[in-house]
């Protein structure tokens, strides 16, 4: 009971944003995400994304922080220039839904499911990349985890071959590709796991 109360306290969040009279509201609780009076239960949250967008114009580009959550069919996004507010918001996103999405994905991978991240298909043993051929058609290349290295570079989750670390294989934008943060968290757990052949084995470290 104590742990449940602590979690409820950690995710509790309320904010108003935007200019009057178009101001919007968001509340986060154990019941779900309440957007302008509409309650979206936590179990319906299927995707998260956040990151920094640079707005060009003038001498210096302006940083805009964006954080979005969504169901299978709808998406809700907040944009702000306040870094502290943004960091506070995404922390609540992660604790309220990100951890659950991570556990769900690891469990699904262990059961043989695959997940799509743009042109990348994620499976328990590695990733498959779909690449266009110069002469037409599509080639799919599969890489096991032991063949790959990864990291966060310039706002993207980037993958390289361990044999050719100077050549980027693929990048997933944290800002524009749903659940890239969830995948990155899973990979961080894989780095700590004694068994680095299957992503689902990292579940006990989550």
Protein backbone atom coordinates (compact mmCIF):
# COMPACT_ATOMS: atom_id res chain seq x y z
CA UNK A 1 0.00 0.00 0.00
CA UNK A 2 2.83 2.38 0.87
CA UNK A 3 4.55 1.80 -2.47
CA UNK A 4 1.27 2.45 -4.32
CA UNK A 5 0.72 5.72 -2.46
CA UNK A 6 4.29 6.80 -3.20
CA UNK A 7 3.83 6.11 -6.93
CA UNK A 8 0.57 8.06 -6.97
CA UNK A 9 2.31 11.00 -5.35
CA UNK A 10 5.24 10.83 -7.78
CA UNK A 11 3.07 10.97 -10.90
CA UNK A 12 0.57 13.56 -9.64
CA UNK A 13 0.77 16.60 -11.92
CA UNK A 14 -1.40 19.52 -13.06
CA UNK A 15 -0.64 22.35 -15.45
CA UNK A 16 -2.15 25.02 -17.65
CA UNK A 17 -0.51 26.12 -20.88
CA UNK A 18 -1.19 28.27 -23.89
CA UNK A 19 -2.59 31.78 -24.11
CA UNK A 20 -6.02 32.86 -22.92
CA UNK A 21 -8.71 32.30 -24.19
CA UNK A 22 -7.23 29.17 -25.84
CA UNK A 23 -5.59 27.90 -22.68
CA UNK A 24 -5.48 24.12 -22.18
CA UNK A 25 -5.10 21.95 -19.10
CA UNK A 26 -3.41 18.63 -18.32
CA UNK A 27 -3.65 16.56 -15.15
CA UNK A 28 -1.85 13.27 -14.52
CA UNK A 29 -2.96 10.86 -11.79
CA UNK A 30 -3.39 7.13 -11.18
CA UNK A 31 -6.67 7.42 -13.09
CA UNK A 32 -4.94 8.57 -16.27
CA UNK A 33 -4.10 11.68 -18.28
CA UNK A 34 -6.91 14.27 -18.17
CA UNK A 35 -6.61 16.59 -21.18
CA UNK A 36 -8.95 19.59 -21.08
CA UNK A 37 -11.51 17.59 -19.12
CA UNK A 38 -11.17 14.41 -21.22
CA UNK A 39 -9.80 11.46 -19.23
CA UNK A 40 -7.50 9.03 -21.06
CA UNK A 41 -6.94 5.97 -18.82
CA UNK A 42 -3.31 4.95 -18.30
CA UNK A 43 -3.96 1.57 -19.93
CA UNK A 44 -4.89 3.37 -23.17
CA UNK A 45 -1.62 5.31 -23.41
CA UNK A 46 0.35 3.46 -26.11
CA UNK A 47 3.02 5.96 -27.12
CA UNK A 48 5.26 8.68 -25.76
CA UNK A 49 7.77 11.00 -27.37
CA UNK A 50 9.66 14.11 -26.35
CA UNK A 51 12.66 16.19 -27.32
CA UNK A 52 14.02 19.58 -28.30
CA UNK A 53 13.14 21.38 -31.52
CA UNK A 54 15.23 24.28 -32.83
CA UNK A 55 13.21 27.07 -34.40
CA UNK A 56 15.25 28.98 -36.97
CA UNK A 57 14.89 32.71 -37.50
CA UNK A 58 16.90 35.66 -36.36
CA UNK A 59 20.47 35.53 -35.15
CA UNK A 60 20.01 32.77 -32.60
CA UNK A 61 17.77 29.70 -33.03
CA UNK A 62 15.10 29.29 -30.35
CA UNK A 63 14.70 26.05 -28.43
CA UNK A 64 11.21 24.65 -28.15
CA UNK A 65 10.64 21.65 -25.90
CA UNK A 66 7.92 19.25 -27.03
CA UNK A 67 6.35 16.35 -25.13
CA UNK A 68 3.57 14.16 -26.51
CA UNK A 69 1.53 11.17 -25.41
CA UNK A 70 -1.05 9.24 -27.35
CA UNK A 71 -3.44 6.35 -27.72
CA UNK A 72 -3.56 4.13 -30.80
CA UNK A 73 -5.67 6.71 -32.62
CA UNK A 74 -5.02 10.12 -31.03
CA UNK A 75 -2.08 12.23 -29.92
CA UNK A 76 -1.76 15.13 -27.48
CA UNK A 77 1.24 17.45 -27.43
CA UNK A 78 2.60 20.23 -25.24
CA UNK A 79 5.22 22.68 -26.46
CA UNK A 80 7.08 25.07 -24.18
CA UNK A 81 10.24 27.16 -23.95
CA UNK A 82 10.56 26.53 -20.21
CA UNK A 83 13.16 23.82 -19.71
CA UNK A 84 12.36 23.21 -16.03
CA UNK A 85 8.66 22.72 -16.77
CA UNK A 86 9.50 20.38 -19.68
CA UNK A 87 11.82 18.23 -17.56
CA UNK A 88 9.22 18.04 -14.80
CA UNK A 89 6.57 17.03 -17.34
CA UNK A 90 8.52 14.24 -19.06
CA UNK A 91 9.51 12.82 -15.68
CA UNK A 92 5.79 12.40 -14.95
CA UNK A 93 5.19 10.95 -18.43
CA UNK A 94 7.85 8.32 -17.80
CA UNK A 95 6.75 7.33 -14.30
CA UNK A 96 3.05 7.27 -15.20
CA UNK A 97 3.30 5.37 -18.52
CA UNK A 98 6.87 4.91 -19.73
CA UNK A 99 7.81 2.20 -17.22
CA UNK A 100 4.64 0.26 -18.03
CA UNK A 101 5.30 0.52 -21.78
CA UNK A 102 8.85 -0.70 -21.22
CA UNK A 103 7.71 -3.74 -19.23
CA UNK A 104 4.98 -4.48 -21.80
CA UNK A 105 7.45 -4.34 -24.70
CA UNK A 106 10.01 -6.57 -22.99
CA UNK A 107 7.29 -9.09 -22.17
CA UNK A 108 6.00 -8.99 -25.76
CA UNK A 109 9.47 -9.50 -27.20
CA UNK A 110 9.94 -12.53 -24.96
CA UNK A 111 6.70 -13.94 -26.40
CA UNK A 112 7.87 -13.54 -30.00
CA UNK A 113 6.28 -10.18 -30.85
CA UNK A 114 8.02 -7.55 -32.99
CA UNK A 115 7.72 -3.75 -32.87
CA UNK A 116 8.02 -1.17 -35.64
CA UNK A 117 10.05 2.02 -35.24
CA UNK A 118 9.89 3.64 -38.66
CA UNK A 119 12.03 1.50 -40.99
CA UNK A 120 13.38 -0.46 -38.04
CA UNK A 121 11.74 -3.67 -36.88
CA UNK A 122 12.61 -4.65 -33.34
CA UNK A 123 12.73 -8.29 -32.23
CA UNK A 124 14.06 -9.99 -29.13
CA UNK A 125 17.39 -10.95 -30.75
CA UNK A 126 18.15 -7.77 -32.70
CA UNK A 127 16.88 -5.33 -35.30
CA UNK A 128 15.95 -5.61 -38.97
CA UNK A 129 16.52 -2.57 -41.21
CA UNK A 130 14.68 -2.06 -44.49
CA UNK A 131 16.84 -0.22 -46.99
CA UNK A 132 16.14 0.81 -50.57
CA UNK A 133 18.44 -0.62 -53.24
CA UNK A 134 20.07 1.65 -55.78
CA UNK A 135 18.46 -0.28 -58.63
CA UNK A 136 15.06 -0.51 -57.00
CA UNK A 137 13.47 -2.82 -54.48
CA UNK A 138 14.05 -3.13 -50.77
CA UNK A 139 16.71 -5.04 -48.90
CA UNK A 140 16.26 -6.13 -45.29
CA UNK A 141 19.37 -6.54 -43.15
CA UNK A 142 19.26 -8.18 -39.75
CA UNK A 143 21.71 -7.36 -36.96
CA UNK A 144 22.04 -9.27 -33.71
CA UNK A 145 22.65 -7.25 -30.55
CA UNK A 146 26.24 -8.46 -30.29
CA UNK A 147 26.92 -6.91 -33.71
CA UNK A 148 25.65 -3.47 -32.71
CA UNK A 149 26.61 -0.44 -30.67
CA UNK A 150 24.20 2.39 -29.89
CA UNK A 151 23.89 5.71 -28.13
CA UNK A 152 22.05 9.03 -27.95
CA UNK A 153 23.56 11.41 -30.53
CA UNK A 154 22.15 14.82 -31.54
CA UNK A 155 18.61 14.04 -30.45
CA UNK A 156 18.50 10.55 -31.97
CA UNK A 157 19.03 6.97 -30.87
CA UNK A 158 21.83 5.95 -33.26
CA UNK A 159 22.98 2.45 -34.22
CA UNK A 160 26.35 1.50 -35.68
CA UNK A 161 28.06 -1.78 -36.51
CA UNK A 162 30.75 -2.76 -34.01
CA UNK A 163 32.95 -3.67 -36.98
CA UNK A 164 32.43 -0.27 -38.64
CA UNK A 165 31.71 2.20 -35.80
CA UNK A 166 32.25 5.23 -38.06
CA UNK A 167 29.30 4.28 -40.30
CA UNK A 168 25.82 5.12 -39.07
CA UNK A 169 23.38 2.30 -39.76
CA UNK A 170 20.22 4.00 -38.59
CA UNK A 171 18.91 6.72 -36.30
CA UNK A 172 15.59 7.17 -34.51
CA UNK A 173 14.57 10.67 -33.46
CA UNK A 174 13.60 10.92 -29.81
CA UNK A 175 11.31 13.83 -30.72
CA UNK A 176 9.53 12.45 -33.78
CA UNK A 177 9.45 8.64 -33.42
CA UNK A 178 7.04 7.22 -30.84
CA UNK A 179 8.52 5.26 -27.93
CA UNK A 180 12.16 5.77 -28.90
CA UNK A 181 12.79 6.67 -25.26
CA UNK A 182 11.24 3.33 -24.27
CA UNK A 183 13.55 1.45 -26.63
CA UNK A 184 16.56 3.38 -25.36
CA UNK A 185 15.68 2.45 -21.77
CA UNK A 186 15.46 -1.22 -22.81
CA UNK A 187 18.89 -1.02 -24.43
CA UNK A 188 20.36 0.53 -21.31
CA UNK A 189 19.05 -2.46 -19.36
CA UNK A 190 20.50 -4.84 -21.97
CA UNK A 191 23.92 -3.30 -21.35
CA UNK A 192 23.61 -4.33 -17.68
CA UNK A 193 22.26 -7.82 -18.39
CA UNK A 194 24.57 -10.86 -18.20
CA UNK A 195 22.73 -12.27 -21.25
CA UNK A 196 23.16 -9.74 -24.05
CA UNK A 197 21.61 -11.91 -26.76
CA UNK A 198 17.94 -11.24 -25.97
CA UNK A 199 16.33 -7.95 -25.03
CA UNK A 200 13.61 -9.69 -23.00
CA UNK A 201 16.30 -11.01 -20.64
CA UNK A 202 16.77 -7.42 -19.49
CA UNK A 203 13.25 -7.45 -17.99
CA UNK A 204 14.50 -8.50 -14.56
CA UNK A 205 16.66 -5.37 -14.46
CA UNK A 206 13.69 -3.05 -15.14
